[in-house]
Amino acid sequence: MASWNKTGLIMAAAFAAAVLAFTVAPAQAEVNVNINIGPPPVLVEGPPELIVVPRTMIYFAPAARGDLFFFSGYWWTRHDGRWFRARAYNGPWKHMGPRYVPVEIVRLPGNYRTAYVHEHRVPYGQLKKHWERREHDRRKRMGEWKDWKEEKHERKAREKEMKREMKEERKEHKEHGRGH
């Protein structure tokens, strides 16, 4: 009987130790959900023909399997509720937050494909020339007679001059304050 008590006691101690070992360590659970939407699929097989949306600077590809727009030198598309932009119609695509999507594209009516199907068509090979001519005409209508680069240069020169003048005024103000 004494051996039974000793064995029982050892077994009970081992069981208690095992229970303590598993209950003392805190339980850690982690859930990690990672959904990679990725870039949009190929929307067109080759260089697309485009249609000009009237009274805008937007072009769209009617043969594309999805929304494919050209606006202001970039290609835009939507995939799984997210917007993407690229320099070429076939990518590489970069995800863009909603606030970076041109409002002109966002405001297009949902039926733009059927509403504008009979508008002016532009072959892909003529897109750059066509868009630049329209952009020049738009700037001219808006009173932007100067070349854009020249205007940018003049603006930078004015900003530089204003900074210089402000720096001189601060310097004079400090010197004036010390003299009194």
C-alpha atoms as a PDB file:
ATOM      1  CA  MET A   1       0.000   0.000   0.000  1.00  0.00           C
ATOM      2  CA  ALA A   2       2.856   2.340   0.726  1.00  0.00           C
ATOM      3  CA  SER A   3       4.179   1.858  -2.805  1.00  0.00           C
ATOM      4  CA  TRP A   4       0.707   2.610  -4.170  1.00  0.00           C
ATOM      5  CA  ASN A   5       0.541   5.867  -2.280  1.00  0.00           C
ATOM      6  CA  LYS A   6       3.992   6.834  -3.443  1.00  0.00           C
ATOM      7  CA  THR A   7       3.137   6.047  -7.076  1.00  0.00           C
ATOM      8  CA  GLY A   8      -0.197   7.828  -6.814  1.00  0.00           C
ATOM      9  CA  LEU A   9       1.465  10.829  -5.261  1.00  0.00           C
ATOM     10  CA  ILE A  10       4.075  10.971  -8.036  1.00  0.00           C
ATOM     11  CA  MET A  11       1.372  10.628 -10.688  1.00  0.00           C
ATOM     12  CA  ALA A  12      -0.745  13.354  -9.101  1.00  0.00           C
ATOM     13  CA  ALA A  13       2.283  15.660  -8.885  1.00  0.00           C
ATOM     14  CA  ALA A  14       3.134  15.006 -12.555  1.00  0.00           C
ATOM     15  CA  PHE A  15      -0.459  15.649 -13.577  1.00  0.00           C
ATOM     16  CA  ALA A  16      -0.545  18.886 -11.558  1.00  0.00           C
ATOM     17  CA  ALA A  17       2.758  19.986 -13.105  1.00  0.00           C
ATOM     18  CA  ALA A  18       1.436  19.271 -16.590  1.00  0.00           C
ATOM     19  CA  VAL A  19      -1.767  21.208 -15.900  1.00  0.00           C
ATOM     20  CA  LEU A  20       0.220  24.145 -14.527  1.00  0.00           C
ATOM     21  CA  ALA A  21       2.601  24.136 -17.479  1.00  0.00           C
ATOM     22  CA  PHE A  22      -0.260  24.457 -19.944  1.00  0.00           C
ATOM     23  CA  THR A  23      -2.340  26.974 -17.995  1.00  0.00           C
ATOM     24  CA  VAL A  24       0.396  29.340 -16.783  1.00  0.00           C
ATOM     25  CA  ALA A  25       1.611  30.389 -20.239  1.00  0.00           C
ATOM     26  CA  PRO A  26      -0.721  33.005 -21.731  1.00  0.00           C
ATOM     27  CA  ALA A  27      -2.611  31.902 -24.767  1.00  0.00           C
ATOM     28  CA  GLN A  28      -1.734  33.903 -27.850  1.00  0.00           C
ATOM     29  CA  ALA A  29      -3.870  33.942 -30.925  1.00  0.00           C
ATOM     30  CA  GLU A  30      -3.149  35.967 -34.020  1.00  0.00           C
ATOM     31  CA  VAL A  31      -5.246  36.551 -37.081  1.00  0.00           C
ATOM     32  CA  ASN A  32      -3.619  37.999 -40.175  1.00  0.00           C
ATOM     33  CA  VAL A  33      -5.745  38.762 -43.203  1.00  0.00           C
ATOM     34  CA  ASN A  34      -3.875  40.022 -46.234  1.00  0.00           C
ATOM     35  CA  ILE A  35      -5.768  40.607 -49.449  1.00  0.00           C
ATOM     36  CA  ASN A  36      -3.635  41.556 -52.412  1.00  0.00           C
ATOM     37  CA  ILE A  37      -5.868  43.023 -55.094  1.00  0.00           C
ATOM     38  CA  GLY A  38      -3.003  43.658 -57.472  1.00  0.00           C
ATOM     39  CA  PRO A  39      -2.957  45.571 -60.721  1.00  0.00           C
ATOM     40  CA  PRO A  40      -5.811  45.453 -63.191  1.00  0.00           C
ATOM     41  CA  PRO A  41      -5.874  42.756 -65.856  1.00  0.00           C
ATOM     42  CA  VAL A  42      -4.977  43.535 -69.458  1.00  0.00           C
ATOM     43  CA  LEU A  43      -7.945  45.504 -70.774  1.00  0.00           C
ATOM     44  CA  VAL A  44      -7.040  45.631 -74.468  1.00  0.00           C
ATOM     45  CA  GLU A  45      -5.044  43.352 -76.741  1.00  0.00           C
ATOM     46  CA  GLY A  46      -3.200  46.104 -78.551  1.00  0.00           C
ATOM     47  CA  PRO A  47      -3.058  49.884 -78.911  1.00  0.00           C
ATOM     48  CA  PRO A  48      -6.676  51.032 -78.504  1.00  0.00           C
ATOM     49  CA  GLU A  49      -8.737  53.335 -80.637  1.00  0.00           C
ATOM     50  CA  LEU A  50     -10.148  56.111 -78.460  1.00  0.00           C
ATOM     51  CA  ILE A  51     -13.280  58.221 -78.351  1.00  0.00           C
ATOM     52  CA  VAL A  52     -13.225  61.851 -77.227  1.00  0.00           C
ATOM     53  CA  VAL A  53     -15.797  62.698 -74.549  1.00  0.00           C
ATOM     54  CA  PRO A  54     -17.356  65.996 -75.723  1.00  0.00           C
ATOM     55  CA  ARG A  55     -16.547  69.173 -73.782  1.00  0.00           C
ATOM     56  CA  THR A  56     -13.806  67.378 -71.801  1.00  0.00           C
ATOM     57  CA  MET A  57     -10.191  66.374 -72.209  1.00  0.00           C
ATOM     58  CA  ILE A  58     -11.085  62.732 -71.545  1.00  0.00           C
ATOM     59  CA  TYR A  59     -10.632  59.900 -74.016  1.00  0.00           C
ATOM     60  CA  PHE A  60     -11.928  56.381 -73.476  1.00  0.00           C
ATOM     61  CA  ALA A  61     -11.243  53.056 -75.164  1.00  0.00           C
ATOM     62  CA  PRO A  62     -14.589  51.589 -76.321  1.00  0.00           C
ATOM     63  CA  ALA A  63     -13.102  48.150 -77.071  1.00  0.00           C
ATOM     64  CA  ALA A  64     -11.559  47.765 -73.601  1.00  0.00           C
ATOM     65  CA  ARG A  65     -12.877  45.112 -71.232  1.00  0.00           C
ATOM     66  CA  GLY A  66     -13.517  47.645 -68.484  1.00  0.00           C
ATOM     67  CA  ASP A  67     -12.973  51.345 -67.884  1.00  0.00           C
ATOM     68  CA  LEU A  68      -9.872  52.624 -69.653  1.00  0.00           C
ATOM     69  CA  PHE A  69      -9.415  56.395 -69.875  1.00  0.00           C
ATOM     70  CA  PHE A  70      -6.703  58.722 -71.107  1.00  0.00           C
ATOM     71  CA  PHE A  71      -6.531  62.097 -69.394  1.00  0.00           C
ATOM     72  CA  SER A  72      -3.764  64.674 -69.091  1.00  0.00           C
ATOM     73  CA  GLY A  73      -0.959  62.373 -70.197  1.00  0.00           C
ATOM     74  CA  TYR A  74      -1.966  59.370 -68.067  1.00  0.00           C
ATOM     75  CA  TRP A  75      -4.042  56.234 -68.497  1.00  0.00           C
ATOM     76  CA  TRP A  76      -6.617  55.540 -65.777  1.00  0.00           C
ATOM     77  CA  THR A  77      -8.600  52.425 -64.920  1.00  0.00           C
ATOM     78  CA  ARG A  78     -10.665  51.016 -62.084  1.00  0.00           C
ATOM     79  CA  HIS A  79     -10.209  47.477 -60.738  1.00  0.00           C
ATOM     80  CA  ASP A  80     -12.042  45.979 -57.746  1.00  0.00           C
ATOM     81  CA  GLY A  81     -13.162  49.445 -56.618  1.00  0.00           C
ATOM     82  CA  ARG A  82      -9.628  50.883 -56.687  1.00  0.00           C
ATOM     83  CA  TRP A  83      -8.129  53.356 -59.159  1.00  0.00           C
ATOM     84  CA  PHE A  84      -4.886  52.803 -61.059  1.00  0.00           C
ATOM     85  CA  ARG A  85      -2.757  55.080 -63.243  1.00  0.00           C
ATOM     86  CA  ALA A  86      -0.072  54.354 -65.842  1.00  0.00           C
ATOM     87  CA  ARG A  87       1.941  56.118 -68.521  1.00  0.00           C
ATOM     88  CA  ALA A  88       1.043  53.420 -71.077  1.00  0.00           C
ATOM     89  CA  TYR A  89      -2.311  51.811 -71.868  1.00  0.00           C
ATOM     90  CA  ASN A  90      -0.956  48.405 -70.809  1.00  0.00           C
ATOM     91  CA  GLY A  91       0.787  49.491 -67.591  1.00  0.00           C
ATOM     92  CA  PRO A  92       2.675  49.153 -65.396  1.00  0.00           C
ATOM     93  CA  TRP A  93      -0.162  50.301 -63.149  1.00  0.00           C
ATOM     94  CA  LYS A  94       0.210  52.177 -59.882  1.00  0.00           C
ATOM     95  CA  HIS A  95      -2.566  52.306 -57.285  1.00  0.00           C
ATOM     96  CA  MET A  96      -3.880  55.835 -56.719  1.00  0.00           C
ATOM     97  CA  GLY A  97      -5.981  56.988 -53.792  1.00  0.00           C
ATOM     98  CA  PRO A  98      -9.448  58.336 -54.634  1.00  0.00           C
ATOM     99  CA  ARG A  99      -8.426  61.944 -54.037  1.00  0.00           C
ATOM    100  CA  TYR A 100      -5.818  61.719 -56.822  1.00  0.00           C
ATOM    101  CA  VAL A 101      -8.281  60.595 -59.482  1.00  0.00           C
ATOM    102  CA  PRO A 102      -9.213  63.528 -61.752  1.00  0.00           C
ATOM    103  CA  VAL A 103     -12.688  64.767 -60.937  1.00  0.00           C
ATOM    104  CA  GLU A 104     -13.484  64.899 -64.657  1.00  0.00           C
ATOM    105  CA  ILE A 105     -13.173  61.100 -64.850  1.00  0.00           C
ATOM    106  CA  VAL A 106     -15.125  60.497 -61.661  1.00  0.00           C
ATOM    107  CA  ARG A 107     -17.991  62.676 -62.925  1.00  0.00           C
ATOM    108  CA  LEU A 108     -18.408  60.815 -66.210  1.00  0.00           C
ATOM    109  CA  PRO A 109     -21.923  59.409 -66.474  1.00  0.00           C
ATOM    110  CA  GLY A 110     -22.206  55.665 -65.929  1.00  0.00           C
ATOM    111  CA  ASN A 111     -23.504  55.215 -69.480  1.00  0.00           C
ATOM    112  CA  TYR A 112     -20.571  57.021 -71.107  1.00  0.00           C
ATOM    113  CA  ARG A 113     -19.902  54.089 -73.458  1.00  0.00           C
ATOM    114  CA  THR A 114     -23.347  54.226 -75.060  1.00  0.00           C
ATOM    115  CA  ALA A 115     -23.839  57.991 -74.708  1.00  0.00           C
ATOM    116  CA  TYR A 116     -20.651  58.864 -76.587  1.00  0.00           C
ATOM    117  CA  VAL A 117     -20.277  55.873 -78.913  1.00  0.00           C
ATOM    118  CA  HIS A 118     -20.771  58.042 -82.032  1.00  0.00           C
ATOM    119  CA  GLU A 119     -18.343  60.812 -81.026  1.00  0.00           C
ATOM    120  CA  HIS A 120     -14.998  61.603 -82.662  1.00  0.00           C
ATOM    121  CA  ARG A 121     -12.637  58.610 -82.771  1.00  0.00           C
ATOM    122  CA  VAL A 122      -8.884  58.940 -82.516  1.00  0.00           C
ATOM    123  CA  PRO A 123      -6.490  56.164 -83.613  1.00  0.00           C
ATOM    124  CA  TYR A 124      -3.911  55.337 -80.956  1.00  0.00           C
ATOM    125  CA  GLY A 125      -1.042  56.505 -83.173  1.00  0.00           C
ATOM    126  CA  GLN A 126      -2.525  60.005 -83.316  1.00  0.00           C
ATOM    127  CA  LEU A 127      -3.425  60.296 -79.616  1.00  0.00           C
ATOM    128  CA  LYS A 128      -0.410  62.280 -78.435  1.00  0.00           C
ATOM    129  CA  LYS A 129      -0.619  64.813 -81.265  1.00  0.00           C
ATOM    130  CA  HIS A 130      -4.408  65.065 -80.944  1.00  0.00           C
ATOM    131  CA  TRP A 131      -4.302  65.543 -77.163  1.00  0.00           C
ATOM    132  CA  GLU A 132      -1.481  68.135 -77.313  1.00  0.00           C
ATOM    133  CA  ARG A 133      -3.366  70.154 -79.946  1.00  0.00           C
ATOM    134  CA  ARG A 134      -6.560  70.076 -77.879  1.00  0.00           C
ATOM    135  CA  GLU A 135      -4.627  71.002 -74.708  1.00  0.00           C
ATOM    136  CA  HIS A 136      -2.992  73.938 -76.521  1.00  0.00           C
ATOM    137  CA  ASP A 137      -6.395  75.112 -77.798  1.00  0.00           C
ATOM    138  CA  ARG A 138      -7.884  74.766 -74.301  1.00  0.00           C
ATOM    139  CA  ARG A 139      -5.092  76.843 -72.775  1.00  0.00           C
ATOM    140  CA  LYS A 140      -5.470  79.429 -75.512  1.00  0.00           C
ATOM    141  CA  ARG A 141      -9.216  79.707 -74.862  1.00  0.00           C
ATOM    142  CA  MET A 142      -8.514  80.167 -71.173  1.00  0.00           C
ATOM    143  CA  GLY A 143      -6.111  83.029 -71.867  1.00  0.00           C
ATOM    144  CA  GLU A 144      -2.962  81.021 -71.396  1.00  0.00           C
ATOM    145  CA  TRP A 145      -1.109  82.481 -74.371  1.00  0.00           C
ATOM    146  CA  LYS A 146       2.384  81.832 -73.079  1.00  0.00           C
ATOM    147  CA  ASP A 147       4.171  78.569 -73.356  1.00  0.00           C
ATOM    148  CA  TRP A 148       3.643  76.527 -70.204  1.00  0.00           C
ATOM    149  CA  LYS A 149       7.375  76.117 -69.531  1.00  0.00           C
ATOM    150  CA  GLU A 150       7.977  79.832 -69.920  1.00  0.00           C
ATOM    151  CA  GLU A 151       5.130  80.562 -67.528  1.00  0.00           C
ATOM    152  CA  LYS A 152       6.551  78.083 -65.003  1.00  0.00           C
ATOM    153  CA  HIS A 153       9.987  79.702 -65.257  1.00  0.00           C
ATOM    154  CA  GLU A 154       8.511  83.168 -64.687  1.00  0.00           C
ATOM    155  CA  ARG A 155       6.511  81.941 -61.679  1.00  0.00           C
ATOM    156  CA  LYS A 156       9.637  80.397 -60.098  1.00  0.00           C
ATOM    157  CA  ALA A 157      11.576  83.629 -60.678  1.00  0.00           C
ATOM    158  CA  ARG A 158       8.801  85.660 -58.992  1.00  0.00           C
ATOM    159  CA  GLU A 159       8.762  83.254 -56.032  1.00  0.00           C
ATOM    160  CA  LYS A 160      12.549  83.491 -55.696  1.00  0.00           C
ATOM    161  CA  GLU A 161      12.383  87.297 -55.799  1.00  0.00           C
ATOM    162  CA  MET A 162       9.629  87.356 -53.157  1.00  0.00           C
ATOM    163  CA  LYS A 163      11.693  85.109 -50.852  1.00  0.00           C
ATOM    164  CA  ARG A 164      14.721  87.366 -51.306  1.00  0.00           C
ATOM    165  CA  GLU A 165      12.658  90.476 -50.492  1.00  0.00           C
ATOM    166  CA  MET A 166      11.141  88.829 -47.409  1.00  0.00           C
ATOM    167  CA  LYS A 167      14.612  87.830 -46.204  1.00  0.00           C
ATOM    168  CA  GLU A 168      15.850  91.421 -46.635  1.00  0.00           C
ATOM    169  CA  GLU A 169      12.822  92.787 -44.777  1.00  0.00           C
ATOM    170  CA  ARG A 170      13.435  90.419 -41.852  1.00  0.00           C
ATOM    171  CA  LYS A 171      17.092  91.427 -41.778  1.00  0.00           C
ATOM    172  CA  GLU A 172      16.191  95.148 -41.772  1.00  0.00           C
ATOM    173  CA  HIS A 173      13.587  94.559 -39.072  1.00  0.00           C
ATOM    174  CA  LYS A 174      16.172  92.831 -36.841  1.00  0.00           C
ATOM    175  CA  GLU A 175      18.757  95.574 -37.420  1.00  0.00           C
ATOM    176  CA  HIS A 176      16.180  98.266 -36.745  1.00  0.00           C
ATOM    177  CA  GLY A 177      15.199  96.564 -33.489  1.00  0.00           C
ATOM    178  CA  ARG A 178      18.839  96.469 -32.262  1.00  0.00           C
ATOM    179  CA  GLY A 179      19.525 100.116 -32.944  1.00  0.00           C
ATOM    180  CA  HIS A 180      16.829 101.380 -30.553  1.00  0.00           C
END
